[in-house]
Amino acid sequence: MDNAAALFVDAPVEEGHGDRPALLTPSGPVTYAQLQGLTDRAAHRLRALGVEPEQRVALLLSGGPAWA
């Protein structure tokens, strides 16, 4: 099974839809490319903290693009 980020974020960017809105927030739309940047940053930060692939983590986040 694919990672959810690969399925719902990376695939649309790879298909050329990076400039389309992925999320609509009170402060404006977030494109698939922007969301991909956020998910990549989060993944790199988790790896820097020592989290390995396939390990489960719990995140407590408020609603908004970071949650998605």
Protein backbone atom coordinates (compact mmCIF):
# COMPACT_ATOMS: atom_id res chain seq x y z
CA MET A 1 0.00 0.00 0.00
CA ASP A 2 1.28 3.45 -0.89
CA ASN A 3 1.97 6.09 1.67
CA ALA A 4 -1.02 8.45 1.88
CA ALA A 5 1.15 11.45 1.02
CA ALA A 6 2.39 9.71 -2.12
CA LEU A 7 -1.14 8.86 -3.16
CA PHE A 8 -2.90 12.14 -2.35
CA VAL A 9 -0.10 14.73 -2.71
CA ASP A 10 2.83 13.45 -4.77
CA ALA A 11 0.74 11.81 -7.51
CA PRO A 12 -1.19 14.99 -8.44
CA VAL A 13 2.09 16.95 -8.59
CA GLU A 14 3.70 14.27 -10.78
CA GLU A 15 0.62 14.37 -13.05
CA GLY A 16 1.13 18.11 -13.60
CA HIS A 17 -1.49 19.40 -11.15
CA GLY A 18 0.92 21.07 -8.71
CA ASP A 19 -0.61 24.51 -9.24
CA ARG A 20 -4.16 23.36 -8.48
CA PRO A 21 -5.68 23.93 -5.04
CA ALA A 22 -5.42 20.92 -2.75
CA LEU A 23 -6.90 22.68 0.30
CA LEU A 24 -9.07 25.73 0.78
CA THR A 25 -8.28 27.55 4.02
CA PRO A 26 -9.57 30.79 5.55
CA SER A 27 -6.28 32.44 4.50
CA GLY A 28 -6.50 31.16 0.93
CA PRO A 29 -5.87 28.05 -1.15
CA VAL A 30 -2.91 25.72 -0.67
CA THR A 31 -1.72 24.12 -3.89
CA TYR A 32 -0.64 20.52 -4.28
CA ALA A 33 2.96 21.72 -4.75
CA GLN A 34 2.81 23.77 -1.54
CA LEU A 35 1.29 20.83 0.33
CA GLN A 36 4.03 18.58 -1.05
CA GLY A 37 6.62 21.00 0.34
CA LEU A 38 4.97 20.86 3.76
CA THR A 39 4.79 17.06 3.80
CA ASP A 40 8.41 16.77 2.65
CA ARG A 41 9.57 19.14 5.41
CA ALA A 42 7.63 17.17 8.02
CA ALA A 43 9.08 13.87 6.77
CA HIS A 44 12.64 15.21 6.82
CA ARG A 45 12.16 16.58 10.33
CA LEU A 46 10.83 13.24 11.59
CA ARG A 47 13.83 11.46 10.03
CA ALA A 48 16.17 13.97 11.72
CA LEU A 49 14.53 13.05 15.03
CA GLY A 50 15.34 9.39 14.41
CA VAL A 51 11.99 8.13 13.15
CA GLU A 52 12.54 5.29 10.68
CA PRO A 53 10.25 4.27 7.79
CA GLU A 54 7.32 2.10 8.91
CA GLN A 55 7.51 3.40 12.51
CA ARG A 56 4.31 4.90 13.82
CA VAL A 57 4.17 8.37 15.31
CA ALA A 58 1.40 10.42 16.85
CA LEU A 59 1.04 14.10 16.01
CA LEU A 60 -1.12 16.63 17.82
CA LEU A 61 -1.93 19.48 15.44
CA SER A 62 -4.60 22.13 15.19
CA GLY A 63 -6.79 22.28 12.09
CA GLY A 64 -5.22 23.77 8.96
CA PRO A 65 -2.72 22.87 6.25
CA ALA A 66 -0.26 21.38 8.77
CA TRP A 67 -2.88 18.87 9.85
CA ALA A 68 -3.56 17.80 6.27
